[in-house]
């Protein structure tokens, strides 16, 4: 669907990272892990980018998480960073098939901006009474408060800034004999996706069965 959505709140959730909460338009439905396209015209130039939901579902509001690299951010990133409650922006979607669908056990491998869908999926699984594990690679972690809450709720959470640790962390997140019963999700840029898939295969997981969203 296409809609103009209103910002409900904007929060700093980590270094160079904001979570933008939107009021849900009529008839909009999306699952944790799906993504939307946000677009705006800035100084007579049209911009559009895709962002994955970071909320555990869609209620009266839903959320996306936006990372802003101060060395590379362009006009649209700065526009998103400047949004405040009451502002509006154009939205299309949702898109994507790599989303949480009520699986009894989920393992989410996240690199950089993949933390948004990671916390959303893990929170949705925990709320459903299911098992969840998150392995998050980033040297400047975001959403640490939500990750701590997930850990307190019984989810397995590993945060590392060293790719060398990824293989062991993924192996520990999988459940041994029950590895075939777990749904693995992978979210991040291409280099992380490649490393995560390699780690998954080394741990005996089925990379072909993983739900993967490559951010390019």
N, C-alpha and C. Protein backbone atom coordinates (compact mmCIF):
# COMPACT_ATOMS: atom_id res chain seq x y z
N UNK A 1 0.83 -1.18 0.00
CA UNK A 1 0.00 0.00 0.00
C UNK A 1 0.87 1.24 0.00
N UNK A 2 0.32 2.34 -0.43
CA UNK A 2 0.99 3.64 -0.39
C UNK A 2 0.21 4.55 0.55
N UNK A 3 0.94 5.26 1.41
CA UNK A 3 0.28 6.13 2.39
C UNK A 3 1.25 7.21 2.83
N UNK A 4 0.69 8.28 3.35
CA UNK A 4 1.48 9.28 4.06
C UNK A 4 1.30 9.01 5.54
N UNK A 5 2.42 8.80 6.24
CA UNK A 5 2.35 8.41 7.65
C UNK A 5 2.88 9.53 8.52
N UNK A 6 2.37 9.57 9.75
CA UNK A 6 2.74 10.60 10.71
C UNK A 6 3.70 10.02 11.74
N UNK A 7 4.73 10.78 12.05
CA UNK A 7 5.70 10.37 13.06
C UNK A 7 5.09 10.49 14.44
N UNK A 8 5.17 9.41 15.22
CA UNK A 8 4.68 9.43 16.60
C UNK A 8 5.79 9.78 17.57
N UNK A 9 7.02 9.32 17.28
CA UNK A 9 8.14 9.59 18.18
C UNK A 9 9.43 9.24 17.47
N UNK A 10 10.52 9.89 17.90
CA UNK A 10 11.86 9.58 17.42
C UNK A 10 12.76 9.46 18.65
N UNK A 11 13.52 8.34 18.70
CA UNK A 11 14.37 8.11 19.87
C UNK A 11 15.79 7.75 19.43
N UNK A 12 16.79 8.27 20.14
CA UNK A 12 18.16 7.82 19.96
C UNK A 12 18.29 6.44 20.60
N UNK A 13 18.80 5.47 19.83
CA UNK A 13 18.91 4.11 20.35
C UNK A 13 20.33 3.56 20.25
N UNK A 14 21.28 4.43 19.95
CA UNK A 14 22.66 4.01 19.86
C UNK A 14 23.46 5.03 19.09
N UNK A 15 24.78 4.83 18.97
CA UNK A 15 25.61 5.78 18.23
C UNK A 15 25.14 5.92 16.78
N UNK A 16 24.79 7.14 16.39
CA UNK A 16 24.35 7.38 15.02
C UNK A 16 23.13 6.59 14.62
N UNK A 17 22.26 6.27 15.55
CA UNK A 17 21.11 5.42 15.26
C UNK A 17 19.86 5.97 15.94
N UNK A 18 18.78 6.08 15.16
CA UNK A 18 17.50 6.52 15.72
C UNK A 18 16.42 5.51 15.37
N UNK A 19 15.47 5.36 16.27
CA UNK A 19 14.27 4.57 16.01
C UNK A 19 13.13 5.55 15.76
N UNK A 20 12.46 5.39 14.63
CA UNK A 20 11.36 6.27 14.27
C UNK A 20 10.06 5.48 14.35
N UNK A 21 9.17 5.94 15.20
CA UNK A 21 7.88 5.30 15.40
C UNK A 21 6.82 6.08 14.62
N UNK A 22 6.02 5.35 13.84
CA UNK A 22 4.99 5.96 13.01
C UNK A 22 3.60 5.55 13.49
N UNK A 23 2.65 6.43 13.34
CA UNK A 23 1.25 6.07 13.52
C UNK A 23 0.84 5.16 12.37
N UNK A 24 0.15 4.09 12.67
CA UNK A 24 -0.20 3.09 11.67
C UNK A 24 -1.37 3.56 10.82
N UNK A 25 -1.20 3.62 9.50
CA UNK A 25 -2.32 4.01 8.65
C UNK A 25 -3.36 2.90 8.56
N UNK A 26 -4.56 3.25 8.19
CA UNK A 26 -5.63 2.27 8.05
C UNK A 26 -5.23 1.19 7.06
N UNK A 27 -5.51 -0.05 7.41
CA UNK A 27 -5.31 -1.23 6.57
C UNK A 27 -3.84 -1.62 6.39
N UNK A 28 -2.93 -0.97 7.11
CA UNK A 28 -1.53 -1.37 7.00
C UNK A 28 -1.25 -2.53 7.95
N UNK A 29 -0.68 -3.58 7.41
CA UNK A 29 -0.28 -4.74 8.20
C UNK A 29 1.11 -5.17 7.76
N UNK A 30 1.94 -5.59 8.70
CA UNK A 30 3.28 -6.05 8.39
C UNK A 30 3.75 -6.98 9.50
N UNK A 31 4.68 -7.85 9.16
CA UNK A 31 5.24 -8.80 10.11
C UNK A 31 6.67 -8.40 10.47
N UNK A 32 7.14 -8.77 11.66
CA UNK A 32 8.52 -8.46 12.04
C UNK A 32 9.51 -9.06 11.03
N UNK A 33 10.35 -8.22 10.48
CA UNK A 33 11.30 -8.65 9.46
C UNK A 33 10.96 -8.16 8.07
N UNK A 34 9.72 -7.73 7.85
CA UNK A 34 9.39 -7.11 6.57
C UNK A 34 9.90 -5.67 6.55
N UNK A 35 9.93 -5.08 5.35
CA UNK A 35 10.46 -3.73 5.24
C UNK A 35 9.51 -2.83 4.46
N UNK A 36 9.72 -1.53 4.63
CA UNK A 36 8.91 -0.53 3.96
C UNK A 36 9.83 0.43 3.22
N UNK A 37 9.27 1.14 2.24
CA UNK A 37 10.00 2.18 1.54
C UNK A 37 9.53 3.53 2.03
N UNK A 38 10.47 4.35 2.51
CA UNK A 38 10.18 5.72 2.90
C UNK A 38 10.70 6.65 1.82
N UNK A 39 9.94 7.67 1.50
CA UNK A 39 10.36 8.59 0.43
C UNK A 39 9.95 10.01 0.77
N UNK A 40 10.71 10.95 0.22
CA UNK A 40 10.44 12.37 0.45
C UNK A 40 11.15 13.18 -0.63
N UNK A 41 10.68 14.40 -0.83
CA UNK A 41 11.32 15.35 -1.73
C UNK A 41 12.04 16.39 -0.89
N UNK A 42 13.34 16.54 -1.15
CA UNK A 42 14.18 17.44 -0.38
C UNK A 42 14.91 18.35 -1.36
N UNK A 43 14.67 19.65 -1.23
CA UNK A 43 15.30 20.62 -2.16
C UNK A 43 15.07 20.22 -3.61
N UNK A 44 13.82 19.86 -3.91
CA UNK A 44 13.38 19.52 -5.27
C UNK A 44 13.96 18.21 -5.79
N UNK A 45 14.62 17.44 -4.92
CA UNK A 45 15.14 16.13 -5.31
C UNK A 45 14.34 15.04 -4.59
N UNK A 46 14.00 13.98 -5.33
CA UNK A 46 13.24 12.87 -4.75
C UNK A 46 14.20 11.81 -4.22
N UNK A 47 13.89 11.33 -3.01
CA UNK A 47 14.71 10.31 -2.37
C UNK A 47 13.80 9.19 -1.87
N UNK A 48 14.34 7.99 -1.85
CA UNK A 48 13.61 6.85 -1.29
C UNK A 48 14.61 5.81 -0.80
N UNK A 49 14.32 5.22 0.35
CA UNK A 49 15.16 4.17 0.92
C UNK A 49 14.25 3.13 1.59
N UNK A 50 14.79 1.92 1.71
CA UNK A 50 14.06 0.84 2.35
C UNK A 50 14.56 0.64 3.77
N UNK A 51 13.61 0.41 4.70
CA UNK A 51 13.94 0.20 6.11
C UNK A 51 13.09 -0.94 6.65
N UNK A 52 13.75 -1.83 7.40
CA UNK A 52 13.07 -2.99 7.96
C UNK A 52 12.41 -2.63 9.28
N UNK A 53 11.22 -3.17 9.52
CA UNK A 53 10.55 -2.94 10.80
C UNK A 53 11.44 -3.41 11.95
N UNK A 54 11.49 -2.61 13.00
CA UNK A 54 12.20 -3.01 14.21
C UNK A 54 11.26 -3.19 15.39
N UNK A 55 9.97 -3.03 15.17
CA UNK A 55 8.98 -3.31 16.20
C UNK A 55 8.57 -4.78 16.11
N UNK A 56 8.11 -5.37 17.22
CA UNK A 56 7.72 -6.78 17.20
C UNK A 56 6.38 -7.03 16.53
N UNK A 57 5.78 -6.01 15.99
CA UNK A 57 4.51 -6.13 15.29
C UNK A 57 3.99 -4.74 14.97
N UNK A 58 2.77 -4.72 14.46
CA UNK A 58 2.10 -3.46 14.12
C UNK A 58 0.85 -3.34 14.98
N UNK A 59 0.81 -2.32 15.80
CA UNK A 59 -0.38 -2.04 16.61
C UNK A 59 -0.90 -0.66 16.16
N UNK A 60 -1.09 0.24 17.10
CA UNK A 60 -1.44 1.61 16.72
C UNK A 60 -0.25 2.32 16.10
N UNK A 61 0.95 1.79 16.37
CA UNK A 61 2.18 2.33 15.80
C UNK A 61 3.07 1.18 15.34
N UNK A 62 4.09 1.55 14.59
CA UNK A 62 5.15 0.60 14.23
C UNK A 62 6.44 1.39 14.11
N UNK A 63 7.57 0.68 14.04
CA UNK A 63 8.86 1.34 14.15
C UNK A 63 9.84 0.83 13.10
N UNK A 64 10.71 1.75 12.65
CA UNK A 64 11.89 1.36 11.89
C UNK A 64 13.10 1.96 12.59
N UNK A 65 14.26 1.35 12.35
CA UNK A 65 15.51 1.85 12.92
C UNK A 65 16.41 2.32 11.80
N UNK A 66 16.97 3.51 11.96
CA UNK A 66 17.76 4.14 10.91
C UNK A 66 19.16 4.44 11.45
N UNK A 67 20.17 3.92 10.76
CA UNK A 67 21.55 4.24 11.10
C UNK A 67 22.03 5.38 10.22
N UNK A 68 22.71 6.35 10.82
CA UNK A 68 23.20 7.51 10.09
C UNK A 68 24.71 7.61 10.27
N UNK A 69 25.44 7.32 9.19
CA UNK A 69 26.90 7.43 9.22
C UNK A 69 27.28 8.88 8.97
N UNK A 70 27.90 9.56 9.93
CA UNK A 70 28.20 10.98 9.76
C UNK A 70 29.12 11.27 8.59
N UNK A 71 29.91 10.27 8.16
CA UNK A 71 30.84 10.47 7.05
C UNK A 71 30.21 10.20 5.69
N UNK A 72 29.08 9.49 5.69
CA UNK A 72 28.49 9.09 4.41
C UNK A 72 27.03 9.50 4.26
N UNK A 73 26.42 9.99 5.30
CA UNK A 73 24.99 10.29 5.26
C UNK A 73 24.70 11.41 4.26
N UNK A 74 23.64 11.20 3.47
CA UNK A 74 23.21 12.19 2.51
C UNK A 74 22.00 12.96 2.99
N UNK A 75 21.39 13.74 2.11
CA UNK A 75 20.25 14.58 2.50
C UNK A 75 19.09 13.79 3.08
N UNK A 76 18.81 12.59 2.55
CA UNK A 76 17.66 11.85 3.05
C UNK A 76 17.90 11.32 4.46
N UNK A 77 19.12 10.82 4.72
CA UNK A 77 19.43 10.36 6.08
C UNK A 77 19.31 11.51 7.07
N UNK A 78 19.82 12.67 6.70
CA UNK A 78 19.71 13.82 7.60
C UNK A 78 18.25 14.25 7.78
N UNK A 79 17.46 14.10 6.73
CA UNK A 79 16.03 14.42 6.83
C UNK A 79 15.35 13.49 7.83
N UNK A 80 15.64 12.19 7.74
CA UNK A 80 15.04 11.23 8.68
C UNK A 80 15.49 11.53 10.10
N UNK A 81 16.76 11.87 10.25
CA UNK A 81 17.29 12.15 11.58
C UNK A 81 16.63 13.37 12.21
N UNK A 82 16.16 14.30 11.36
CA UNK A 82 15.58 15.55 11.85
C UNK A 82 14.08 15.44 12.12
N UNK A 83 13.46 14.30 11.77
CA UNK A 83 12.02 14.16 11.96
C UNK A 83 11.66 14.26 13.44
N UNK A 84 10.45 14.77 13.68
CA UNK A 84 9.93 14.88 15.04
C UNK A 84 8.46 14.50 15.02
N UNK A 85 7.91 14.26 16.20
CA UNK A 85 6.50 13.89 16.32
C UNK A 85 5.63 14.92 15.59
N UNK A 86 4.71 14.40 14.78
CA UNK A 86 3.81 15.26 14.02
C UNK A 86 4.22 15.46 12.57
N UNK A 87 5.51 15.21 12.26
CA UNK A 87 5.95 15.31 10.86
C UNK A 87 5.38 14.14 10.06
N UNK A 88 5.38 14.27 8.75
CA UNK A 88 4.87 13.21 7.90
C UNK A 88 5.90 12.82 6.85
N UNK A 89 5.73 11.61 6.32
CA UNK A 89 6.59 11.12 5.25
C UNK A 89 5.81 10.08 4.46
N UNK A 90 6.18 9.87 3.21
CA UNK A 90 5.48 8.90 2.37
C UNK A 90 6.04 7.50 2.58
N UNK A 91 5.14 6.53 2.55
CA UNK A 91 5.50 5.13 2.81
C UNK A 91 4.85 4.22 1.78
N UNK A 92 5.58 3.19 1.37
CA UNK A 92 5.04 2.12 0.55
C UNK A 92 5.42 0.79 1.18
N UNK A 93 4.56 -0.21 1.00
CA UNK A 93 4.88 -1.53 1.53
C UNK A 93 3.73 -2.13 2.31
N UNK A 94 4.00 -3.21 3.01
CA UNK A 94 5.32 -3.79 3.29
C UNK A 94 5.81 -4.69 2.17
N UNK A 95 7.12 -4.99 2.21
CA UNK A 95 7.76 -5.87 1.26
C UNK A 95 8.55 -6.94 2.02
N UNK A 96 8.90 -8.01 1.29
CA UNK A 96 9.81 -9.00 1.85
C UNK A 96 9.14 -10.26 2.35
N UNK A 97 9.86 -11.38 2.18
CA UNK A 97 9.37 -12.68 2.62
C UNK A 97 10.19 -13.25 3.78
N UNK A 98 11.24 -12.54 4.20
CA UNK A 98 12.09 -13.04 5.28
C UNK A 98 11.62 -12.49 6.61
N UNK A 99 10.47 -12.97 7.07
CA UNK A 99 9.88 -12.43 8.29
C UNK A 99 9.51 -13.55 9.26
N UNK A 100 9.31 -13.15 10.50
CA UNK A 100 8.89 -14.08 11.55
C UNK A 100 7.46 -14.52 11.29
N UNK A 101 7.26 -15.85 11.34
CA UNK A 101 5.94 -16.41 11.04
C UNK A 101 5.50 -17.37 12.14
N UNK A 102 5.84 -17.01 13.38
CA UNK A 102 5.40 -17.82 14.50
C UNK A 102 6.24 -19.06 14.77
N UNK A 103 7.45 -19.11 14.21
CA UNK A 103 8.29 -20.28 14.42
C UNK A 103 8.58 -20.50 15.91
N UNK A 104 8.67 -21.77 16.31
CA UNK A 104 8.83 -22.09 17.73
C UNK A 104 10.21 -21.74 18.27
N UNK A 105 11.20 -21.63 17.39
CA UNK A 105 12.55 -21.29 17.82
C UNK A 105 13.21 -20.48 16.71
N UNK A 106 13.72 -19.29 17.05
CA UNK A 106 14.34 -18.44 16.05
C UNK A 106 15.76 -18.08 16.48
N UNK A 107 16.65 -18.00 15.51
CA UNK A 107 18.01 -17.54 15.71
C UNK A 107 18.24 -16.43 14.70
N UNK A 108 18.50 -15.23 15.20
CA UNK A 108 18.66 -14.08 14.32
C UNK A 108 20.11 -13.64 14.33
N UNK A 109 20.74 -13.66 13.15
CA UNK A 109 22.12 -13.22 12.98
C UNK A 109 22.07 -11.83 12.34
N UNK A 110 22.61 -10.84 13.05
CA UNK A 110 22.46 -9.45 12.62
C UNK A 110 23.81 -8.76 12.56
N UNK A 111 24.01 -8.03 11.48
CA UNK A 111 25.20 -7.20 11.37
C UNK A 111 24.79 -5.77 11.13
N UNK A 112 25.37 -4.83 11.88
CA UNK A 112 25.07 -3.41 11.67
C UNK A 112 23.59 -3.12 11.74
N UNK A 113 23.00 -2.61 10.63
CA UNK A 113 21.59 -2.23 10.63
C UNK A 113 20.63 -3.41 10.77
N UNK A 114 21.16 -4.63 10.71
CA UNK A 114 20.31 -5.79 10.93
C UNK A 114 19.78 -5.89 12.34
N UNK A 115 20.28 -5.05 13.25
CA UNK A 115 19.80 -5.09 14.63
C UNK A 115 18.32 -4.72 14.71
N UNK A 116 17.82 -3.88 13.80
CA UNK A 116 16.40 -3.52 13.83
C UNK A 116 15.49 -4.73 13.74
N UNK A 117 15.55 -5.47 12.63
CA UNK A 117 14.71 -6.66 12.56
C UNK A 117 15.07 -7.71 13.60
N UNK A 118 16.31 -7.74 14.05
CA UNK A 118 16.70 -8.74 15.06
C UNK A 118 15.93 -8.55 16.35
N UNK A 119 15.88 -7.31 16.85
CA UNK A 119 15.16 -7.12 18.12
C UNK A 119 13.66 -7.29 17.91
N UNK A 120 13.14 -6.86 16.76
CA UNK A 120 11.71 -7.02 16.51
C UNK A 120 11.29 -8.48 16.47
N UNK A 121 12.05 -9.30 15.74
CA UNK A 121 11.73 -10.72 15.61
C UNK A 121 11.89 -11.42 16.96
N UNK A 122 12.99 -11.15 17.65
CA UNK A 122 13.21 -11.81 18.93
C UNK A 122 12.14 -11.45 19.94
N UNK A 123 11.75 -10.18 19.99
CA UNK A 123 10.69 -9.76 20.92
C UNK A 123 9.36 -10.42 20.56
N UNK A 124 9.07 -10.54 19.27
CA UNK A 124 7.82 -11.19 18.86
C UNK A 124 7.82 -12.65 19.27
N UNK A 125 8.95 -13.33 19.08
CA UNK A 125 9.03 -14.74 19.45
C UNK A 125 8.87 -14.92 20.97
N UNK A 126 9.55 -14.10 21.75
CA UNK A 126 9.44 -14.19 23.20
C UNK A 126 8.01 -13.92 23.65
N UNK A 127 7.36 -12.93 23.04
CA UNK A 127 5.98 -12.62 23.40
C UNK A 127 5.05 -13.78 23.10
N UNK A 128 5.40 -14.57 22.09
CA UNK A 128 4.59 -15.74 21.73
C UNK A 128 4.92 -16.96 22.58
N UNK A 129 5.87 -16.82 23.49
CA UNK A 129 6.28 -17.96 24.30
C UNK A 129 7.25 -18.88 23.60
N UNK A 130 7.88 -18.41 22.53
CA UNK A 130 8.83 -19.20 21.76
C UNK A 130 10.26 -18.87 22.16
N UNK A 131 11.20 -19.66 21.66
CA UNK A 131 12.61 -19.46 21.98
C UNK A 131 13.23 -18.49 20.98
N UNK A 132 14.21 -17.71 21.46
CA UNK A 132 14.86 -16.74 20.58
C UNK A 132 16.33 -16.60 20.96
N UNK A 133 17.16 -16.44 19.94
CA UNK A 133 18.58 -16.15 20.13
C UNK A 133 18.98 -15.08 19.13
N UNK A 134 19.84 -14.17 19.57
CA UNK A 134 20.35 -13.10 18.71
C UNK A 134 21.86 -13.11 18.78
N UNK A 135 22.50 -13.10 17.61
CA UNK A 135 23.94 -12.90 17.51
C UNK A 135 24.13 -11.62 16.69
N UNK A 136 24.77 -10.62 17.29
CA UNK A 136 24.82 -9.28 16.73
C UNK A 136 26.27 -8.83 16.63
N UNK A 137 26.69 -8.52 15.41
CA UNK A 137 28.06 -8.06 15.16
C UNK A 137 28.05 -6.57 14.84
N UNK A 138 28.69 -5.76 15.69
CA UNK A 138 28.77 -4.32 15.47
C UNK A 138 29.77 -3.74 16.46
N UNK A 139 30.58 -2.78 16.00
CA UNK A 139 31.53 -2.16 16.93
C UNK A 139 30.94 -0.96 17.65
N UNK A 140 29.68 -0.60 17.31
CA UNK A 140 28.98 0.48 18.01
C UNK A 140 27.52 0.05 18.16
N UNK A 141 27.24 -0.85 19.10
CA UNK A 141 25.91 -1.48 19.18
C UNK A 141 24.77 -0.49 19.41
N UNK A 142 23.64 -0.81 18.81
CA UNK A 142 22.40 -0.07 19.01
C UNK A 142 21.39 -0.97 19.72
N UNK A 143 20.32 -0.37 20.22
CA UNK A 143 19.23 -1.09 20.87
C UNK A 143 19.72 -1.95 22.05
N UNK A 144 20.71 -1.45 22.78
CA UNK A 144 21.23 -2.25 23.90
C UNK A 144 20.20 -2.44 25.01
N UNK A 145 19.34 -1.45 25.23
CA UNK A 145 18.31 -1.60 26.26
C UNK A 145 17.36 -2.75 25.92
N UNK A 146 16.96 -2.83 24.66
CA UNK A 146 16.06 -3.91 24.25
C UNK A 146 16.77 -5.25 24.26
N UNK A 147 18.04 -5.27 23.90
CA UNK A 147 18.80 -6.52 23.97
C UNK A 147 18.92 -7.00 25.41
N UNK A 148 19.16 -6.08 26.33
CA UNK A 148 19.23 -6.46 27.75
C UNK A 148 17.89 -7.02 28.23
N UNK A 149 16.80 -6.39 27.78
CA UNK A 149 15.47 -6.87 28.17
C UNK A 149 15.21 -8.26 27.61
N UNK A 150 15.65 -8.51 26.40
CA UNK A 150 15.49 -9.84 25.81
C UNK A 150 16.27 -10.88 26.61
N UNK A 151 17.48 -10.52 26.98
CA UNK A 151 18.28 -11.44 27.78
C UNK A 151 17.60 -11.72 29.12
N UNK A 152 17.07 -10.68 29.75
CA UNK A 152 16.37 -10.86 31.02
C UNK A 152 15.13 -11.75 30.86
N UNK A 153 14.54 -11.73 29.65
CA UNK A 153 13.33 -12.52 29.39
C UNK A 153 13.65 -13.96 28.99
N UNK A 154 14.94 -14.30 28.94
CA UNK A 154 15.32 -15.67 28.66
C UNK A 154 15.89 -15.93 27.28
N UNK A 155 15.95 -14.92 26.44
CA UNK A 155 16.55 -15.09 25.13
C UNK A 155 18.06 -15.15 25.25
N UNK A 156 18.70 -15.83 24.32
CA UNK A 156 20.15 -15.85 24.24
C UNK A 156 20.61 -14.67 23.39
N UNK A 157 21.47 -13.83 23.95
CA UNK A 157 21.93 -12.62 23.25
C UNK A 157 23.45 -12.56 23.32
N UNK A 158 24.07 -12.48 22.16
CA UNK A 158 25.52 -12.31 22.08
C UNK A 158 25.81 -11.10 21.20
N UNK A 159 26.57 -10.15 21.75
CA UNK A 159 26.98 -8.96 21.02
C UNK A 159 28.50 -8.99 20.92
N UNK A 160 29.03 -8.86 19.71
CA UNK A 160 30.48 -8.89 19.51
C UNK A 160 30.87 -7.86 18.46
N UNK A 161 32.11 -7.38 18.56
CA UNK A 161 32.63 -6.48 17.54
C UNK A 161 33.74 -7.16 16.72
N UNK A 162 33.90 -8.47 16.90
CA UNK A 162 34.98 -9.20 16.26
C UNK A 162 34.40 -10.31 15.39
N UNK A 163 34.58 -10.17 14.06
CA UNK A 163 34.02 -11.18 13.16
C UNK A 163 34.61 -12.56 13.42
N UNK A 164 35.80 -12.61 14.00
CA UNK A 164 36.41 -13.91 14.31
C UNK A 164 35.59 -14.68 15.32
N UNK A 165 34.81 -13.97 16.13
CA UNK A 165 33.99 -14.64 17.14
C UNK A 165 32.68 -15.18 16.56
N UNK A 166 32.38 -14.83 15.32
CA UNK A 166 31.05 -15.13 14.79
C UNK A 166 30.77 -16.63 14.71
N UNK A 167 31.74 -17.40 14.24
CA UNK A 167 31.51 -18.84 14.08
C UNK A 167 31.14 -19.49 15.40
N UNK A 168 31.91 -19.21 16.45
CA UNK A 168 31.61 -19.80 17.76
C UNK A 168 30.28 -19.31 18.29
N UNK A 169 29.98 -18.02 18.10
CA UNK A 169 28.72 -17.46 18.61
C UNK A 169 27.52 -18.09 17.92
N UNK A 170 27.63 -18.30 16.61
CA UNK A 170 26.52 -18.92 15.87
C UNK A 170 26.36 -20.37 16.31
N UNK A 171 27.47 -21.09 16.48
CA UNK A 171 27.38 -22.49 16.92
C UNK A 171 26.72 -22.58 18.29
N UNK A 172 27.05 -21.66 19.18
CA UNK A 172 26.45 -21.67 20.52
C UNK A 172 24.97 -21.31 20.48
N UNK A 173 24.57 -20.45 19.52
CA UNK A 173 23.17 -20.03 19.44
C UNK A 173 22.27 -21.14 18.92
N UNK A 174 22.81 -22.00 18.08
CA UNK A 174 22.03 -23.13 17.58
C UNK A 174 21.92 -24.19 18.67
N UNK A 175 20.91 -25.03 18.54
CA UNK A 175 20.56 -25.92 19.65
C UNK A 175 20.97 -27.37 19.44
N UNK A 176 22.10 -27.56 18.79
CA UNK A 176 22.61 -28.92 18.69
C UNK A 176 21.69 -29.86 17.95
N UNK A 177 21.14 -30.83 18.66
CA UNK A 177 20.30 -31.86 18.03
C UNK A 177 19.05 -31.27 17.40
N UNK A 178 18.64 -30.08 17.87
CA UNK A 178 17.41 -29.50 17.36
C UNK A 178 17.66 -28.44 16.29
N UNK A 179 18.89 -28.43 15.74
CA UNK A 179 19.25 -27.37 14.81
C UNK A 179 18.31 -27.32 13.61
N UNK A 180 17.81 -28.47 13.15
CA UNK A 180 16.92 -28.49 11.98
C UNK A 180 15.54 -27.94 12.30
N UNK A 181 15.22 -27.80 13.60
CA UNK A 181 13.91 -27.30 13.98
C UNK A 181 13.91 -25.78 14.16
N UNK A 182 15.08 -25.16 14.07
CA UNK A 182 15.18 -23.72 14.29
C UNK A 182 15.09 -22.96 12.98
N UNK A 183 14.47 -21.79 13.02
CA UNK A 183 14.45 -20.92 11.87
C UNK A 183 15.52 -19.86 12.06
N UNK A 184 16.47 -19.85 11.15
CA UNK A 184 17.55 -18.87 11.20
C UNK A 184 17.22 -17.71 10.28
N UNK A 185 17.44 -16.50 10.80
CA UNK A 185 17.28 -15.27 10.02
C UNK A 185 18.65 -14.59 9.93
N UNK A 186 18.95 -13.99 8.78
CA UNK A 186 20.20 -13.26 8.60
C UNK A 186 19.87 -11.90 8.00
N UNK A 187 20.31 -10.84 8.68
CA UNK A 187 20.07 -9.47 8.23
C UNK A 187 21.35 -8.66 8.30
N UNK A 188 21.71 -8.01 7.20
CA UNK A 188 22.89 -7.16 7.23
C UNK A 188 23.41 -6.89 5.84
N UNK A 189 24.52 -6.17 5.78
CA UNK A 189 25.16 -5.90 4.50
C UNK A 189 25.80 -7.17 3.96
N UNK A 190 26.17 -7.13 2.67
CA UNK A 190 26.61 -8.34 1.97
C UNK A 190 27.77 -9.04 2.66
N UNK A 191 28.76 -8.28 3.13
CA UNK A 191 29.93 -8.92 3.75
C UNK A 191 29.53 -9.67 5.01
N UNK A 192 28.60 -9.09 5.79
CA UNK A 192 28.14 -9.80 6.99
C UNK A 192 27.33 -11.04 6.61
N UNK A 193 26.46 -10.91 5.63
CA UNK A 193 25.64 -12.05 5.21
C UNK A 193 26.54 -13.21 4.82
N UNK A 194 27.59 -12.93 4.04
CA UNK A 194 28.51 -14.00 3.63
C UNK A 194 29.16 -14.65 4.84
N UNK A 195 29.61 -13.83 5.78
CA UNK A 195 30.27 -14.38 6.98
C UNK A 195 29.29 -15.17 7.83
N UNK A 196 28.06 -14.68 7.94
CA UNK A 196 27.05 -15.37 8.75
C UNK A 196 26.67 -16.71 8.14
N UNK A 197 26.53 -16.75 6.83
CA UNK A 197 26.19 -18.01 6.16
C UNK A 197 27.33 -19.01 6.32
N UNK A 198 28.56 -18.53 6.21
CA UNK A 198 29.71 -19.41 6.41
C UNK A 198 29.72 -19.98 7.84
N UNK A 199 29.44 -19.11 8.80
CA UNK A 199 29.40 -19.56 10.20
C UNK A 199 28.26 -20.55 10.43
N UNK A 200 27.13 -20.29 9.81
CA UNK A 200 25.97 -21.18 9.93
C UNK A 200 26.28 -22.57 9.38
N UNK A 201 26.90 -22.61 8.22
CA UNK A 201 27.26 -23.90 7.63
C UNK A 201 28.29 -24.63 8.47
N UNK A 202 29.25 -23.88 9.03
CA UNK A 202 30.27 -24.51 9.88
C UNK A 202 29.66 -25.11 11.13
N UNK A 203 28.54 -24.53 11.58
CA UNK A 203 27.87 -25.03 12.78
C UNK A 203 26.88 -26.15 12.48
N UNK A 204 26.77 -26.53 11.23
CA UNK A 204 25.87 -27.62 10.85
C UNK A 204 24.47 -27.17 10.51
N UNK A 205 24.25 -25.87 10.37
CA UNK A 205 22.93 -25.36 10.01
C UNK A 205 22.69 -25.45 8.52
N UNK A 206 21.44 -25.29 8.15
CA UNK A 206 21.03 -25.37 6.74
C UNK A 206 20.90 -23.95 6.19
N UNK A 207 21.93 -23.51 5.48
CA UNK A 207 21.93 -22.15 4.97
C UNK A 207 20.80 -21.93 3.95
N UNK A 208 20.44 -22.98 3.22
CA UNK A 208 19.39 -22.84 2.22
C UNK A 208 18.03 -22.57 2.86
N UNK A 209 17.86 -23.00 4.11
CA UNK A 209 16.58 -22.81 4.80
C UNK A 209 16.52 -21.48 5.55
N UNK A 210 17.64 -20.78 5.63
CA UNK A 210 17.67 -19.50 6.35
C UNK A 210 16.85 -18.44 5.60
N UNK A 211 16.25 -17.55 6.35
CA UNK A 211 15.57 -16.40 5.78
C UNK A 211 16.56 -15.24 5.81
N UNK A 212 16.94 -14.78 4.62
CA UNK A 212 18.06 -13.84 4.50
C UNK A 212 17.59 -12.55 3.85
N UNK A 213 18.00 -11.43 4.44
CA UNK A 213 17.77 -10.11 3.83
C UNK A 213 19.12 -9.42 3.71
N UNK A 214 19.59 -9.30 2.48
CA UNK A 214 20.89 -8.69 2.18
C UNK A 214 20.67 -7.22 1.89
N UNK A 215 21.26 -6.32 2.70
CA UNK A 215 21.06 -4.90 2.54
C UNK A 215 21.97 -4.28 1.48
N UNK A 216 22.74 -5.12 0.79
CA UNK A 216 23.56 -4.61 -0.31
C UNK A 216 25.00 -4.36 0.08
